[in-house]
């Protein structure tokens, strides 16, 4: 035996591909620039994402028809900026994601309550009692 295993760090929320639904919800409020979207992602706990990952997700969402983008040239003081908008297809995707996330939440609630109950009622080395 090689000794204790090294603890692996995981973020299960990220593995659920939460970025796309979060971007879609932000765009549901109205068109926005990528930089503004990145700032707002912090509200969803996604503020530490790499800029490239956010822009890659937006580009993929555009390829899938969920968002459209256009260059804003008139209202900028600097270079033109790309403005992203949610499409009707993106709105449906957001609704589908919300329904999926509600099912996941129910599963997580059950899992966590089952775990808490087990830790309180169970016996042995790894239990609370």
Protein backbone atom coordinates (compact mmCIF):
# COMPACT_ATOMS: atom_id res chain seq x y z
CA UNK A 1 0.00 0.00 0.00
CA UNK A 2 1.39 3.42 -0.94
CA UNK A 3 -0.11 5.34 1.98
CA UNK A 4 -3.13 7.65 1.97
CA UNK A 5 -4.43 8.81 -1.35
CA UNK A 6 -3.91 12.40 -2.29
CA UNK A 7 -7.19 14.30 -1.93
CA UNK A 8 -8.53 15.35 -5.31
CA UNK A 9 -10.12 18.76 -5.59
CA UNK A 10 -13.34 18.82 -7.56
CA UNK A 11 -16.08 21.27 -8.16
CA UNK A 12 -19.15 19.25 -9.01
CA UNK A 13 -21.16 22.33 -9.92
CA UNK A 14 -18.73 23.14 -12.72
CA UNK A 15 -18.93 19.63 -14.06
CA UNK A 16 -22.67 20.20 -14.53
CA UNK A 17 -21.91 22.75 -17.30
CA UNK A 18 -23.45 25.65 -15.43
CA UNK A 19 -21.77 28.38 -17.48
CA UNK A 20 -24.11 28.25 -20.48
CA UNK A 21 -27.35 28.48 -18.48
CA UNK A 22 -25.88 31.32 -16.40
CA UNK A 23 -24.92 33.25 -19.54
CA UNK A 24 -28.35 32.59 -21.05
CA UNK A 25 -30.08 33.90 -17.94
CA UNK A 26 -27.95 37.05 -17.94
CA UNK A 27 -28.76 37.60 -21.62
CA UNK A 28 -32.44 36.98 -20.89
CA UNK A 29 -32.38 40.35 -19.07
CA UNK A 30 -31.15 41.97 -22.28
CA UNK A 31 -28.20 42.30 -24.69
CA UNK A 32 -24.79 42.64 -23.10
CA UNK A 33 -21.06 42.82 -23.77
CA UNK A 34 -18.78 39.90 -22.95
CA UNK A 35 -16.89 41.92 -20.32
CA UNK A 36 -20.11 42.83 -18.52
CA UNK A 37 -21.26 39.21 -18.64
CA UNK A 38 -17.97 38.09 -17.07
CA UNK A 39 -18.45 40.53 -14.20
CA UNK A 40 -22.02 39.34 -13.65
CA UNK A 41 -21.03 35.67 -13.60
CA UNK A 42 -19.62 36.25 -10.11
CA UNK A 43 -23.23 36.39 -8.89
CA UNK A 44 -23.53 32.73 -9.91
CA UNK A 45 -20.26 31.74 -8.23
CA UNK A 46 -18.46 31.70 -11.59
CA UNK A 47 -16.36 34.83 -11.17
CA UNK A 48 -13.06 32.97 -11.27
CA UNK A 49 -13.51 31.58 -14.79
CA UNK A 50 -10.91 32.34 -17.40
CA UNK A 51 -11.96 35.01 -19.94
CA UNK A 52 -11.14 32.68 -22.79
CA UNK A 53 -13.55 30.06 -21.40
CA UNK A 54 -16.38 32.59 -21.24
CA UNK A 55 -15.79 33.84 -24.79
CA UNK A 56 -15.43 30.25 -26.03
CA UNK A 57 -18.80 29.39 -24.43
CA UNK A 58 -20.40 32.46 -26.04
CA UNK A 59 -18.96 31.48 -29.42
CA UNK A 60 -20.26 27.91 -29.04
CA UNK A 61 -23.66 29.22 -27.94
CA UNK A 62 -23.70 31.37 -31.07
CA UNK A 63 -22.79 28.37 -33.25
CA UNK A 64 -25.68 26.46 -31.64
CA UNK A 65 -28.07 29.32 -32.38
CA UNK A 66 -28.66 30.19 -28.72
CA UNK A 67 -27.21 33.70 -29.00
CA UNK A 68 -26.43 36.17 -31.74
CA UNK A 69 -23.84 38.89 -31.65
CA UNK A 70 -23.17 42.14 -33.45
CA UNK A 71 -20.47 44.79 -33.30
CA UNK A 72 -21.48 47.96 -31.47
CA UNK A 73 -19.70 50.84 -33.14
CA UNK A 74 -21.75 53.94 -32.39
CA UNK A 75 -22.04 54.05 -28.59
CA UNK A 76 -18.46 53.17 -27.66
CA UNK A 77 -15.71 55.58 -26.71
CA UNK A 78 -13.08 53.05 -27.70
CA UNK A 79 -12.89 50.25 -30.22
CA UNK A 80 -16.10 48.50 -31.30
CA UNK A 81 -17.42 45.91 -28.85
CA UNK A 82 -19.37 42.76 -29.52
CA UNK A 83 -22.89 42.72 -28.06
CA UNK A 84 -24.55 39.37 -27.37
CA UNK A 85 -28.31 38.73 -27.41
CA UNK A 86 -30.37 35.68 -26.56
CA UNK A 87 -32.35 34.12 -29.40
CA UNK A 88 -35.70 32.33 -29.25
CA UNK A 89 -33.78 29.03 -29.43
CA UNK A 90 -31.60 30.23 -26.55
CA UNK A 91 -34.68 31.13 -24.54
CA UNK A 92 -35.98 27.56 -25.00
CA UNK A 93 -32.55 26.18 -24.05
CA UNK A 94 -32.67 28.28 -20.86
CA UNK A 95 -36.12 26.90 -20.00
CA UNK A 96 -34.87 23.34 -20.61
CA UNK A 97 -31.81 24.00 -18.41
CA UNK A 98 -33.97 25.40 -15.63
CA UNK A 99 -36.13 22.27 -15.70
CA UNK A 100 -33.01 20.06 -15.66
CA UNK A 101 -31.51 22.06 -12.81
CA UNK A 102 -34.73 21.73 -10.80
CA UNK A 103 -34.51 17.94 -11.18
CA UNK A 104 -30.83 18.02 -10.18
CA UNK A 105 -31.73 20.16 -7.15
CA UNK A 106 -34.31 17.58 -6.08
CA UNK A 107 -31.69 14.84 -6.42
CA UNK A 108 -29.15 16.86 -4.46
CA UNK A 109 -31.68 17.68 -1.72
CA UNK A 110 -32.50 13.98 -1.39
CA UNK A 111 -28.83 12.99 -1.37
CA UNK A 112 -27.89 15.59 1.26
CA UNK A 113 -30.82 14.82 3.57
CA UNK A 114 -30.11 11.09 3.22
CA UNK A 115 -26.45 11.70 4.09
CA UNK A 116 -27.32 13.86 7.13
CA UNK A 117 -29.82 11.27 8.37
CA UNK A 118 -27.25 8.49 7.89
CA UNK A 119 -24.56 10.43 9.75
CA UNK A 120 -26.88 11.05 12.70
CA UNK A 121 -28.48 7.61 12.88
CA UNK A 122 -25.56 5.47 11.75
CA UNK A 123 -22.88 3.98 13.92
CA UNK A 124 -19.20 3.53 13.46
CA UNK A 125 -15.98 5.42 13.01
CA UNK A 126 -17.20 7.85 10.38
CA UNK A 127 -20.48 8.93 11.97
CA UNK A 128 -21.43 11.86 14.19
CA UNK A 129 -22.84 9.78 17.06
